[in-house]
Amino acid sequence: MEGRVIKSTGSWYLVNTESGQVKARLRGKFKQDNLKLTNPIAVGDFVVVAKEEGQPTWTIDEILPRDNYIIRKSTRKNHFSHIIASNIDQAFLIITIRNPRTSLGFIDRFLVSTESFRIPATIIVNKMDLPYKDKDLEYLQDIHDIYEYLGYGVLEISALSESDLNEQFSPLLVGKTTLLSGHSGVGKSTLLNKIIPEATQATQEISKFSSKGVHTTTFAEMFEIEGGYLIDTPGIKEFGILDINDYELSHYFPEMRKYLGQCKYNNCRHINEPGCVVLEKLEQGLIHPYRYDSYLNILNEEDDHR
């Protein structure tokens, strides 16, 4: 019988089937396209399950091919990766401009990952009910200017506003499998509680000592909503992307991608090579310097890890 994994707790999985939800464990080991993974099965996976003879539990006997997935470096094991979720229609990055402030570098790393797996992404700016200083609003305008120009949606909301949720946020979820991601403390759990009260996700106050988020979600979980699904993920402090070839990274920056193939050298890294069209466009103001800095930072980090 086929089903879809809606919750992972490490050793057990909750699977939605046509006969209802079943608790299942993994049977044997599954080959994962030569990837070293901390989790062979992810929320969103379509699987084949079978009833264990004489037991109330089930086993997962097969993982069906994935359309896509979001993956990050494991925080526990070197050279291992962790699949956050799979078979996603769109990804929403929840950010805040203060308490905590989401950095542009974090946003860019997330977008590189979604671009690499061809998953449409939207930036959701939460906590817009708070009073902000001029420097905060300038940062918010930078986010609009940088990312809307590239074709990414930027939506300002307050998870505490019924009108924001009903008129702006919820309509975007209809008929889609949507991934919610972001730093701890940006209000993902509060947002989820408002949209799906039965989810009863734990929420905590921001740590007054560190001004950073406190982890409230331990494992990814998927909830059915509006004919689609909403996937809540653990708060991520750093988004470590997988190893990407130096000459491939620019493919995941839309503003660079449209100039690829125009440089003098085919293996151009867009750093200091003569005849580099990307550097020319940077000088002309057609590529934002913040984005180019993110490109260099990711490039350098990948070099350090090799």
C-alpha atoms as a PDB file:
ATOM      1  CA  MET A   1       0.000   0.000   0.000  1.00  0.00           C
ATOM      2  CA  GLU A   2       1.312   3.443  -0.909  1.00  0.00           C
ATOM      3  CA  GLY A   3       1.374   6.421   1.421  1.00  0.00           C
ATOM      4  CA  ARG A   4       3.189   9.658   2.218  1.00  0.00           C
ATOM      5  CA  VAL A   5       5.435  10.312   5.191  1.00  0.00           C
ATOM      6  CA  ILE A   6       4.001  13.164   7.263  1.00  0.00           C
ATOM      7  CA  LYS A   7       6.180  12.912  10.367  1.00  0.00           C
ATOM      8  CA  SER A   8       9.622  11.578  11.209  1.00  0.00           C
ATOM      9  CA  THR A   9      10.836  10.930  14.735  1.00  0.00           C
ATOM     10  CA  GLY A  10      14.137   9.333  13.835  1.00  0.00           C
ATOM     11  CA  SER A  11      13.353   5.633  14.051  1.00  0.00           C
ATOM     12  CA  TRP A  12       9.588   5.715  13.418  1.00  0.00           C
ATOM     13  CA  TYR A  13       7.542   7.402  10.722  1.00  0.00           C
ATOM     14  CA  LEU A  14       3.893   8.417  10.510  1.00  0.00           C
ATOM     15  CA  VAL A  15       2.524   7.656   7.052  1.00  0.00           C
ATOM     16  CA  ASN A  16      -0.714   8.914   5.495  1.00  0.00           C
ATOM     17  CA  THR A  17      -2.448   6.166   3.494  1.00  0.00           C
ATOM     18  CA  GLU A  18      -5.860   5.746   1.892  1.00  0.00           C
ATOM     19  CA  SER A  19      -6.792   3.677   4.949  1.00  0.00           C
ATOM     20  CA  GLY A  20      -5.649   6.328   7.442  1.00  0.00           C
ATOM     21  CA  GLN A  21      -2.433   7.063   9.293  1.00  0.00           C
ATOM     22  CA  VAL A  22      -0.077   4.215  10.164  1.00  0.00           C
ATOM     23  CA  LYS A  23       3.060   4.045  12.283  1.00  0.00           C
ATOM     24  CA  ALA A  24       5.906   2.474  10.337  1.00  0.00           C
ATOM     25  CA  ARG A  25       9.563   1.631  10.729  1.00  0.00           C
ATOM     26  CA  LEU A  26      12.219   1.361   8.057  1.00  0.00           C
ATOM     27  CA  ARG A  27      12.901  -2.155   6.808  1.00  0.00           C
ATOM     28  CA  GLY A  28      16.524  -2.655   5.775  1.00  0.00           C
ATOM     29  CA  LYS A  29      18.746  -0.092   4.121  1.00  0.00           C
ATOM     30  CA  PHE A  30      17.948   1.950   1.051  1.00  0.00           C
ATOM     31  CA  LYS A  31      20.408   3.152  -1.549  1.00  0.00           C
ATOM     32  CA  GLN A  32      20.328   6.946  -1.744  1.00  0.00           C
ATOM     33  CA  ASP A  33      22.047   7.831  -5.015  1.00  0.00           C
ATOM     34  CA  ASN A  34      25.483   7.685  -3.362  1.00  0.00           C
ATOM     35  CA  LEU A  35      24.494  10.363  -0.838  1.00  0.00           C
ATOM     36  CA  LYS A  36      25.676  10.016   2.743  1.00  0.00           C
ATOM     37  CA  LEU A  37      22.519  10.811   4.678  1.00  0.00           C
ATOM     38  CA  THR A  38      21.586  10.990   8.335  1.00  0.00           C
ATOM     39  CA  ASN A  39      17.958  10.311   7.329  1.00  0.00           C
ATOM     40  CA  PRO A  40      17.205   7.888   4.488  1.00  0.00           C
ATOM     41  CA  ILE A  41      13.514   8.831   4.608  1.00  0.00           C
ATOM     42  CA  ALA A  42      12.208  12.388   4.777  1.00  0.00           C
ATOM     43  CA  VAL A  43       8.871  14.049   5.385  1.00  0.00           C
ATOM     44  CA  GLY A  44       7.095  14.317   2.044  1.00  0.00           C
ATOM     45  CA  ASP A  45       8.426  11.021   0.710  1.00  0.00           C
ATOM     46  CA  PHE A  46       5.986   8.720  -1.078  1.00  0.00           C
ATOM     47  CA  VAL A  47       6.558   5.181   0.191  1.00  0.00           C
ATOM     48  CA  VAL A  48       5.220   1.647   0.033  1.00  0.00           C
ATOM     49  CA  VAL A  49       4.213   0.225   3.427  1.00  0.00           C
ATOM     50  CA  ALA A  50       3.244  -3.270   4.566  1.00  0.00           C
ATOM     51  CA  LYS A  51       1.619  -4.549   7.771  1.00  0.00           C
ATOM     52  CA  GLU A  52       3.916  -6.496  10.089  1.00  0.00           C
ATOM     53  CA  GLU A  53       2.506  -9.933  10.720  1.00  0.00           C
ATOM     54  CA  GLY A  54       1.051 -10.223  14.212  1.00  0.00           C
ATOM     55  CA  GLN A  55       2.000  -6.614  15.055  1.00  0.00           C
ATOM     56  CA  PRO A  56       0.074  -3.333  15.146  1.00  0.00           C
ATOM     57  CA  THR A  57       2.896  -1.602  13.264  1.00  0.00           C
ATOM     58  CA  TRP A  58       3.946  -1.388   9.623  1.00  0.00           C
ATOM     59  CA  THR A  59       7.208  -1.380   7.688  1.00  0.00           C
ATOM     60  CA  ILE A  60       8.395   0.903   4.902  1.00  0.00           C
ATOM     61  CA  ASP A  61       9.535  -1.426   2.149  1.00  0.00           C
ATOM     62  CA  GLU A  62      10.144   1.032  -0.687  1.00  0.00           C
ATOM     63  CA  ILE A  63      10.797   4.738  -1.231  1.00  0.00           C
ATOM     64  CA  LEU A  64       9.240   5.969  -4.469  1.00  0.00           C
ATOM     65  CA  PRO A  65      11.275   8.306  -6.728  1.00  0.00           C
ATOM     66  CA  ARG A  66      11.420  11.912  -5.485  1.00  0.00           C
ATOM     67  CA  ASP A  67      10.504  14.872  -7.691  1.00  0.00           C
ATOM     68  CA  ASN A  68      12.839  17.056  -5.634  1.00  0.00           C
ATOM     69  CA  TYR A  69      14.069  17.662  -2.116  1.00  0.00           C
ATOM     70  CA  ILE A  70      15.752  20.254   0.069  1.00  0.00           C
ATOM     71  CA  ILE A  71      18.982  19.066   1.618  1.00  0.00           C
ATOM     72  CA  ARG A  72      21.544  20.601   3.958  1.00  0.00           C
ATOM     73  CA  LYS A  73      24.792  19.584   5.582  1.00  0.00           C
ATOM     74  CA  SER A  74      24.392  17.549   8.719  1.00  0.00           C
ATOM     75  CA  THR A  75      25.095  19.410  11.955  1.00  0.00           C
ATOM     76  CA  ARG A  76      26.075  16.152  13.666  1.00  0.00           C
ATOM     77  CA  LYS A  77      28.188  14.208  11.179  1.00  0.00           C
ATOM     78  CA  ASN A  78      30.956  15.553   8.972  1.00  0.00           C
ATOM     79  CA  HIS A  79      30.547  14.846   5.253  1.00  0.00           C
ATOM     80  CA  PHE A  80      26.943  13.748   5.825  1.00  0.00           C
ATOM     81  CA  SER A  81      23.785  15.479   4.651  1.00  0.00           C
ATOM     82  CA  HIS A  82      20.223  15.739   5.942  1.00  0.00           C
ATOM     83  CA  ILE A  83      17.134  15.830   3.735  1.00  0.00           C
ATOM     84  CA  ILE A  84      14.805  18.451   5.200  1.00  0.00           C
ATOM     85  CA  ALA A  85      11.778  17.480   3.084  1.00  0.00           C
ATOM     86  CA  SER A  86      10.891  16.092  -0.339  1.00  0.00           C
ATOM     87  CA  ASN A  87       8.353  16.428  -3.166  1.00  0.00           C
ATOM     88  CA  ILE A  88       7.854  20.144  -2.563  1.00  0.00           C
ATOM     89  CA  ASP A  89       5.895  22.559  -4.764  1.00  0.00           C
ATOM     90  CA  GLN A  90       7.196  25.718  -3.135  1.00  0.00           C
ATOM     91  CA  ALA A  91       9.406  26.860  -0.266  1.00  0.00           C
ATOM     92  CA  PHE A  92       8.710  29.774   2.080  1.00  0.00           C
ATOM     93  CA  LEU A  93      11.646  31.220   3.982  1.00  0.00           C
ATOM     94  CA  ILE A  94      10.326  32.934   7.110  1.00  0.00           C
ATOM     95  CA  ILE A  95      12.604  35.810   8.123  1.00  0.00           C
ATOM     96  CA  THR A  96      12.564  38.718  10.548  1.00  0.00           C
ATOM     97  CA  ILE A  97      14.364  42.055  10.393  1.00  0.00           C
ATOM     98  CA  ARG A  98      14.936  42.249  14.141  1.00  0.00           C
ATOM     99  CA  ASN A  99      14.897  39.876  17.147  1.00  0.00           C
ATOM    100  CA  PRO A 100      16.436  37.958  15.424  1.00  0.00           C
ATOM    101  CA  ARG A 101      17.613  39.651  12.237  1.00  0.00           C
ATOM    102  CA  THR A 102      17.916  37.212   9.337  1.00  0.00           C
ATOM    103  CA  SER A 103      21.120  37.880   7.424  1.00  0.00           C
ATOM    104  CA  LEU A 104      21.262  38.294   3.663  1.00  0.00           C
ATOM    105  CA  GLY A 105      23.877  35.539   3.591  1.00  0.00           C
ATOM    106  CA  PHE A 106      21.432  33.088   5.169  1.00  0.00           C
ATOM    107  CA  ILE A 107      18.733  34.079   2.694  1.00  0.00           C
ATOM    108  CA  ASP A 108      21.119  33.605  -0.222  1.00  0.00           C
ATOM    109  CA  ARG A 109      22.225  30.155   0.935  1.00  0.00           C
ATOM    110  CA  PHE A 110      18.617  29.054   1.203  1.00  0.00           C
ATOM    111  CA  LEU A 111      17.831  30.403  -2.268  1.00  0.00           C
ATOM    112  CA  VAL A 112      20.857  28.651  -3.764  1.00  0.00           C
ATOM    113  CA  SER A 113      19.485  25.378  -2.391  1.00  0.00           C
ATOM    114  CA  THR A 114      15.984  25.960  -3.750  1.00  0.00           C
ATOM    115  CA  GLU A 115      17.403  27.037  -7.119  1.00  0.00           C
ATOM    116  CA  SER A 116      19.561  23.926  -7.305  1.00  0.00           C
ATOM    117  CA  PHE A 117      16.463  21.734  -6.947  1.00  0.00           C
ATOM    118  CA  ARG A 118      14.194  24.017  -9.033  1.00  0.00           C
ATOM    119  CA  ILE A 119      11.830  24.769  -6.171  1.00  0.00           C
ATOM    120  CA  PRO A 120      10.077  28.172  -6.335  1.00  0.00           C
ATOM    121  CA  ALA A 121      10.840  30.241  -3.231  1.00  0.00           C
ATOM    122  CA  THR A 122       9.126  33.142  -1.479  1.00  0.00           C
ATOM    123  CA  ILE A 123      10.512  35.281   1.346  1.00  0.00           C
ATOM    124  CA  ILE A 124       7.994  35.868   4.144  1.00  0.00           C
ATOM    125  CA  VAL A 125       8.889  38.767   6.447  1.00  0.00           C
ATOM    126  CA  ASN A 126       7.168  38.055   9.769  1.00  0.00           C
ATOM    127  CA  LYS A 127       6.621  40.166  12.920  1.00  0.00           C
ATOM    128  CA  MET A 128       5.601  43.270  11.003  1.00  0.00           C
ATOM    129  CA  ASP A 129       3.444  44.235  13.994  1.00  0.00           C
ATOM    130  CA  LEU A 130       6.553  45.267  15.948  1.00  0.00           C
ATOM    131  CA  PRO A 131       7.820  48.870  16.130  1.00  0.00           C
ATOM    132  CA  TYR A 132      10.937  49.313  14.013  1.00  0.00           C
ATOM    133  CA  LYS A 133      13.725  51.856  13.821  1.00  0.00           C
ATOM    134  CA  ASP A 134      14.727  53.566  10.605  1.00  0.00           C
ATOM    135  CA  LYS A 135      17.698  51.237  10.142  1.00  0.00           C
ATOM    136  CA  ASP A 136      15.359  48.233  10.364  1.00  0.00           C
ATOM    137  CA  LEU A 137      13.062  49.664   7.700  1.00  0.00           C
ATOM    138  CA  GLU A 138      16.060  50.430   5.497  1.00  0.00           C
ATOM    139  CA  TYR A 139      17.106  46.788   5.798  1.00  0.00           C
ATOM    140  CA  LEU A 140      13.571  45.708   4.891  1.00  0.00           C
ATOM    141  CA  GLN A 141      13.673  47.936   1.805  1.00  0.00           C
ATOM    142  CA  ASP A 142      17.025  46.379   0.832  1.00  0.00           C
ATOM    143  CA  ILE A 143      15.376  42.949   0.962  1.00  0.00           C
ATOM    144  CA  HIS A 144      12.584  44.130  -1.342  1.00  0.00           C
ATOM    145  CA  ASP A 145      15.000  45.828  -3.732  1.00  0.00           C
ATOM    146  CA  ILE A 146      17.406  42.886  -3.948  1.00  0.00           C
ATOM    147  CA  TYR A 147      15.075  39.911  -4.164  1.00  0.00           C
ATOM    148  CA  GLU A 148      11.999  41.235  -5.953  1.00  0.00           C
ATOM    149  CA  TYR A 149      14.298  42.393  -8.753  1.00  0.00           C
ATOM    150  CA  LEU A 150      15.401  38.749  -9.092  1.00  0.00           C
ATOM    151  CA  GLY A 151      11.825  37.482  -9.291  1.00  0.00           C
ATOM    152  CA  TYR A 152      11.413  36.242  -5.715  1.00  0.00           C
ATOM    153  CA  GLY A 153       8.232  37.209  -3.903  1.00  0.00           C
ATOM    154  CA  VAL A 154       8.659  39.202  -0.674  1.00  0.00           C
ATOM    155  CA  LEU A 155       5.595  39.242   1.556  1.00  0.00           C
ATOM    156  CA  GLU A 156       5.282  41.226   4.801  1.00  0.00           C
ATOM    157  CA  ILE A 157       2.972  39.753   7.436  1.00  0.00           C
ATOM    158  CA  SER A 158       2.315  39.447  11.127  1.00  0.00           C
ATOM    159  CA  ALA A 159       1.473  35.949  12.332  1.00  0.00           C
ATOM    160  CA  LEU A 160      -0.762  37.665  14.902  1.00  0.00           C
ATOM    161  CA  SER A 161      -2.901  39.384  12.246  1.00  0.00           C
ATOM    162  CA  GLU A 162      -5.943  37.442  11.096  1.00  0.00           C
ATOM    163  CA  SER A 163      -6.303  39.604   7.975  1.00  0.00           C
ATOM    164  CA  ASP A 164      -2.653  39.065   6.980  1.00  0.00           C
ATOM    165  CA  LEU A 165      -3.065  35.317   7.291  1.00  0.00           C
ATOM    166  CA  ASN A 166      -6.491  35.020   5.680  1.00  0.00           C
ATOM    167  CA  GLU A 167      -6.007  37.521   2.849  1.00  0.00           C
ATOM    168  CA  GLN A 168      -2.291  37.279   2.038  1.00  0.00           C
ATOM    169  CA  PHE A 169      -0.659  34.125   3.376  1.00  0.00           C
ATOM    170  CA  SER A 170      -3.206  31.291   3.342  1.00  0.00           C
ATOM    171  CA  PRO A 171      -4.297  31.762  -0.322  1.00  0.00           C
ATOM    172  CA  LEU A 172      -0.711  30.976  -1.370  1.00  0.00           C
ATOM    173  CA  LEU A 173      -0.966  27.504   0.206  1.00  0.00           C
ATOM    174  CA  VAL A 174      -4.023  26.214  -1.653  1.00  0.00           C
ATOM    175  CA  GLY A 175      -3.315  23.014  -3.550  1.00  0.00           C
ATOM    176  CA  LYS A 176       0.434  23.119  -2.850  1.00  0.00           C
ATOM    177  CA  THR A 177       2.965  21.236  -0.763  1.00  0.00           C
ATOM    178  CA  THR A 178       4.755  24.116   0.958  1.00  0.00           C
ATOM    179  CA  LEU A 179       7.919  23.994   3.020  1.00  0.00           C
ATOM    180  CA  LEU A 180       8.295  26.472   5.890  1.00  0.00           C
ATOM    181  CA  SER A 181      11.894  27.143   6.884  1.00  0.00           C
ATOM    182  CA  GLY A 182      13.884  29.773   8.753  1.00  0.00           C
ATOM    183  CA  HIS A 183      15.911  30.602  11.832  1.00  0.00           C
ATOM    184  CA  SER A 184      14.634  29.643  15.258  1.00  0.00           C
ATOM    185  CA  GLY A 185      12.614  32.508  16.681  1.00  0.00           C
ATOM    186  CA  VAL A 186      11.199  33.909  13.445  1.00  0.00           C
ATOM    187  CA  GLY A 187       7.697  32.757  14.398  1.00  0.00           C
ATOM    188  CA  LYS A 188       7.183  29.628  12.305  1.00  0.00           C
ATOM    189  CA  SER A 189       5.453  27.769  15.119  1.00  0.00           C
ATOM    190  CA  THR A 190       3.229  30.735  15.944  1.00  0.00           C
ATOM    191  CA  LEU A 191       2.332  31.044  12.271  1.00  0.00           C
ATOM    192  CA  LEU A 192       1.513  27.358  12.052  1.00  0.00           C
ATOM    193  CA  ASN A 193      -0.623  27.465  15.206  1.00  0.00           C
ATOM    194  CA  LYS A 194      -2.706  30.269  13.727  1.00  0.00           C
ATOM    195  CA  ILE A 195      -3.272  28.470  10.451  1.00  0.00           C
ATOM    196  CA  ILE A 196      -3.662  24.959  11.879  1.00  0.00           C
ATOM    197  CA  PRO A 197      -4.719  25.251  15.556  1.00  0.00           C
ATOM    198  CA  GLU A 198      -4.751  21.485  15.980  1.00  0.00           C
ATOM    199  CA  ALA A 199      -1.039  21.375  15.229  1.00  0.00           C
ATOM    200  CA  THR A 200      -0.425  22.729  18.773  1.00  0.00           C
ATOM    201  CA  GLN A 201       3.220  23.468  18.066  1.00  0.00           C
ATOM    202  CA  ALA A 202       5.173  24.604  21.111  1.00  0.00           C
ATOM    203  CA  THR A 203       6.206  28.240  21.064  1.00  0.00           C
ATOM    204  CA  GLN A 204       8.734  29.906  23.297  1.00  0.00           C
ATOM    205  CA  GLU A 205       9.874  33.420  23.969  1.00  0.00           C
ATOM    206  CA  ILE A 206      13.088  34.609  22.356  1.00  0.00           C
ATOM    207  CA  SER A 207      16.009  34.152  24.705  1.00  0.00           C
ATOM    208  CA  LYS A 208      16.548  37.553  26.322  1.00  0.00           C
ATOM    209  CA  PHE A 209      20.158  36.667  26.926  1.00  0.00           C
ATOM    210  CA  SER A 210      21.148  35.855  23.350  1.00  0.00           C
ATOM    211  CA  SER A 211      18.359  37.568  21.346  1.00  0.00           C
ATOM    212  CA  LYS A 212      18.296  34.392  19.280  1.00  0.00           C
ATOM    213  CA  GLY A 213      15.592  31.853  18.788  1.00  0.00           C
ATOM    214  CA  VAL A 214      15.006  28.852  20.979  1.00  0.00           C
ATOM    215  CA  HIS A 215      14.434  25.597  19.106  1.00  0.00           C
ATOM    216  CA  THR A 216      10.802  24.555  19.495  1.00  0.00           C
ATOM    217  CA  THR A 217      10.458  22.008  16.665  1.00  0.00           C
ATOM    218  CA  THR A 218      12.617  18.881  16.823  1.00  0.00           C
ATOM    219  CA  PHE A 219      11.539  16.973  13.714  1.00  0.00           C
ATOM    220  CA  ALA A 220       9.949  18.020  10.436  1.00  0.00           C
ATOM    221  CA  GLU A 221       6.214  17.426  10.230  1.00  0.00           C
ATOM    222  CA  MET A 222       3.643  17.791   7.471  1.00  0.00           C
ATOM    223  CA  PHE A 223       0.066  18.990   7.953  1.00  0.00           C
ATOM    224  CA  GLU A 224      -2.837  18.763   5.517  1.00  0.00           C
ATOM    225  CA  ILE A 225      -4.353  22.130   4.647  1.00  0.00           C
ATOM    226  CA  GLU A 226      -6.537  23.638   1.897  1.00  0.00           C
ATOM    227  CA  GLY A 227      -6.179  20.637  -0.358  1.00  0.00           C
ATOM    228  CA  GLY A 228      -2.417  20.766   0.063  1.00  0.00           C
ATOM    229  CA  TYR A 229       0.258  20.239   2.683  1.00  0.00           C
ATOM    230  CA  LEU A 230       2.310  22.501   4.922  1.00  0.00           C
ATOM    231  CA  ILE A 231       5.686  21.221   6.131  1.00  0.00           C
ATOM    232  CA  ASP A 232       7.083  22.676   9.346  1.00  0.00           C
ATOM    233  CA  THR A 233      10.815  22.220   9.873  1.00  0.00           C
ATOM    234  CA  PRO A 234      13.164  22.632  12.838  1.00  0.00           C
ATOM    235  CA  GLY A 235      14.664  26.096  13.210  1.00  0.00           C
ATOM    236  CA  ILE A 236      17.941  26.322  11.309  1.00  0.00           C
ATOM    237  CA  LYS A 237      20.815  28.384  12.711  1.00  0.00           C
ATOM    238  CA  GLU A 238      23.050  27.971   9.663  1.00  0.00           C
ATOM    239  CA  PHE A 239      22.095  26.717   6.238  1.00  0.00           C
ATOM    240  CA  GLY A 240      25.109  24.726   5.048  1.00  0.00           C
ATOM    241  CA  ILE A 241      24.616  23.890   1.390  1.00  0.00           C
ATOM    242  CA  LEU A 242      26.000  20.794  -0.261  1.00  0.00           C
ATOM    243  CA  ASP A 243      29.263  20.761  -2.162  1.00  0.00           C
ATOM    244  CA  ILE A 244      28.775  22.620  -5.429  1.00  0.00           C
ATOM    245  CA  ASN A 245      31.330  22.757  -8.198  1.00  0.00           C
ATOM    246  CA  ASP A 246      33.021  26.169  -8.492  1.00  0.00           C
ATOM    247  CA  TYR A 247      31.823  26.549 -12.058  1.00  0.00           C
ATOM    248  CA  GLU A 248      28.291  25.446 -11.179  1.00  0.00           C
ATOM    249  CA  LEU A 249      27.507  27.848  -8.321  1.00  0.00           C
ATOM    250  CA  SER A 250      26.736  30.805 -10.585  1.00  0.00           C
ATOM    251  CA  HIS A 251      23.952  28.753 -12.205  1.00  0.00           C
ATOM    252  CA  TYR A 252      21.975  29.161  -8.960  1.00  0.00           C
ATOM    253  CA  PHE A 253      22.226  32.959  -8.919  1.00  0.00           C
ATOM    254  CA  PRO A 254      19.550  34.064 -11.437  1.00  0.00           C
ATOM    255  CA  GLU A 255      21.232  37.426 -12.057  1.00  0.00           C
ATOM    256  CA  MET A 256      24.445  35.631 -13.088  1.00  0.00           C
ATOM    257  CA  ARG A 257      22.798  32.716 -14.860  1.00  0.00           C
ATOM    258  CA  LYS A 258      21.510  34.845 -17.719  1.00  0.00           C
ATOM    259  CA  TYR A 259      25.063  35.870 -18.609  1.00  0.00           C
ATOM    260  CA  LEU A 260      26.598  32.413 -18.490  1.00  0.00           C
ATOM    261  CA  GLY A 261      28.336  31.348 -21.674  1.00  0.00           C
ATOM    262  CA  GLN A 262      29.217  34.943 -22.527  1.00  0.00           C
ATOM    263  CA  CYS A 263      32.514  35.074 -20.613  1.00  0.00           C
ATOM    264  CA  LYS A 264      35.818  34.767 -22.470  1.00  0.00           C
ATOM    265  CA  TYR A 265      36.644  31.472 -20.753  1.00  0.00           C
ATOM    266  CA  ASN A 266      34.252  28.541 -20.406  1.00  0.00           C
ATOM    267  CA  ASN A 267      35.519  27.711 -16.903  1.00  0.00           C
ATOM    268  CA  CYS A 268      35.213  31.270 -15.607  1.00  0.00           C
ATOM    269  CA  ARG A 269      34.656  31.518 -11.839  1.00  0.00           C
ATOM    270  CA  HIS A 270      33.729  35.202 -12.094  1.00  0.00           C
ATOM    271  CA  ILE A 271      36.407  36.333  -9.642  1.00  0.00           C
ATOM    272  CA  ASN A 272      39.193  38.129 -11.541  1.00  0.00           C
ATOM    273  CA  GLU A 273      39.304  36.464 -14.951  1.00  0.00           C
ATOM    274  CA  PRO A 274      39.786  38.699 -18.010  1.00  0.00           C
ATOM    275  CA  GLY A 275      36.746  38.999 -20.236  1.00  0.00           C
ATOM    276  CA  CYS A 276      34.298  38.053 -17.454  1.00  0.00           C
ATOM    277  CA  VAL A 277      30.845  39.335 -18.364  1.00  0.00           C
ATOM    278  CA  VAL A 278      29.550  38.789 -14.803  1.00  0.00           C
ATOM    279  CA  LEU A 279      32.190  41.188 -13.443  1.00  0.00           C
ATOM    280  CA  GLU A 280      31.277  43.680 -16.162  1.00  0.00           C
ATOM    281  CA  LYS A 281      27.613  43.529 -15.161  1.00  0.00           C
ATOM    282  CA  LEU A 282      28.616  43.932 -11.510  1.00  0.00           C
ATOM    283  CA  GLU A 283      30.472  47.134 -12.416  1.00  0.00           C
ATOM    284  CA  GLN A 284      27.435  48.320 -14.358  1.00  0.00           C
ATOM    285  CA  GLY A 285      25.191  47.833 -11.305  1.00  0.00           C
ATOM    286  CA  LEU A 286      23.179  44.996 -12.878  1.00  0.00           C
ATOM    287  CA  ILE A 287      24.326  42.562 -10.184  1.00  0.00           C
ATOM    288  CA  HIS A 288      23.889  43.651  -6.572  1.00  0.00           C
ATOM    289  CA  PRO A 289      27.182  43.814  -4.638  1.00  0.00           C
ATOM    290  CA  TYR A 290      25.586  42.085  -1.612  1.00  0.00           C
ATOM    291  CA  ARG A 291      24.631  39.144  -3.797  1.00  0.00           C
ATOM    292  CA  TYR A 292      28.053  39.006  -5.374  1.00  0.00           C
ATOM    293  CA  ASP A 293      29.614  38.992  -1.884  1.00  0.00           C
ATOM    294  CA  SER A 294      27.359  36.045  -0.979  1.00  0.00           C
ATOM    295  CA  TYR A 295      28.522  34.274  -4.117  1.00  0.00           C
ATOM    296  CA  LEU A 296      32.178  34.746  -3.128  1.00  0.00           C
ATOM    297  CA  ASN A 297      31.528  33.673   0.475  1.00  0.00           C
ATOM    298  CA  ILE A 298      29.837  30.451  -0.594  1.00  0.00           C
ATOM    299  CA  LEU A 299      32.600  29.825  -3.127  1.00  0.00           C
ATOM    300  CA  ASN A 300      35.273  30.285  -0.456  1.00  0.00           C
ATOM    301  CA  GLU A 301      33.445  28.080   2.040  1.00  0.00           C
ATOM    302  CA  GLU A 302      33.179  25.293  -0.500  1.00  0.00           C
ATOM    303  CA  ASP A 303      36.900  25.628  -1.245  1.00  0.00           C
ATOM    304  CA  ASP A 304      37.701  25.366   2.478  1.00  0.00           C
ATOM    305  CA  HIS A 305      35.675  22.156   2.791  1.00  0.00           C
ATOM    306  CA  ARG A 306      37.491  20.398  -0.032  1.00  0.00           C
END
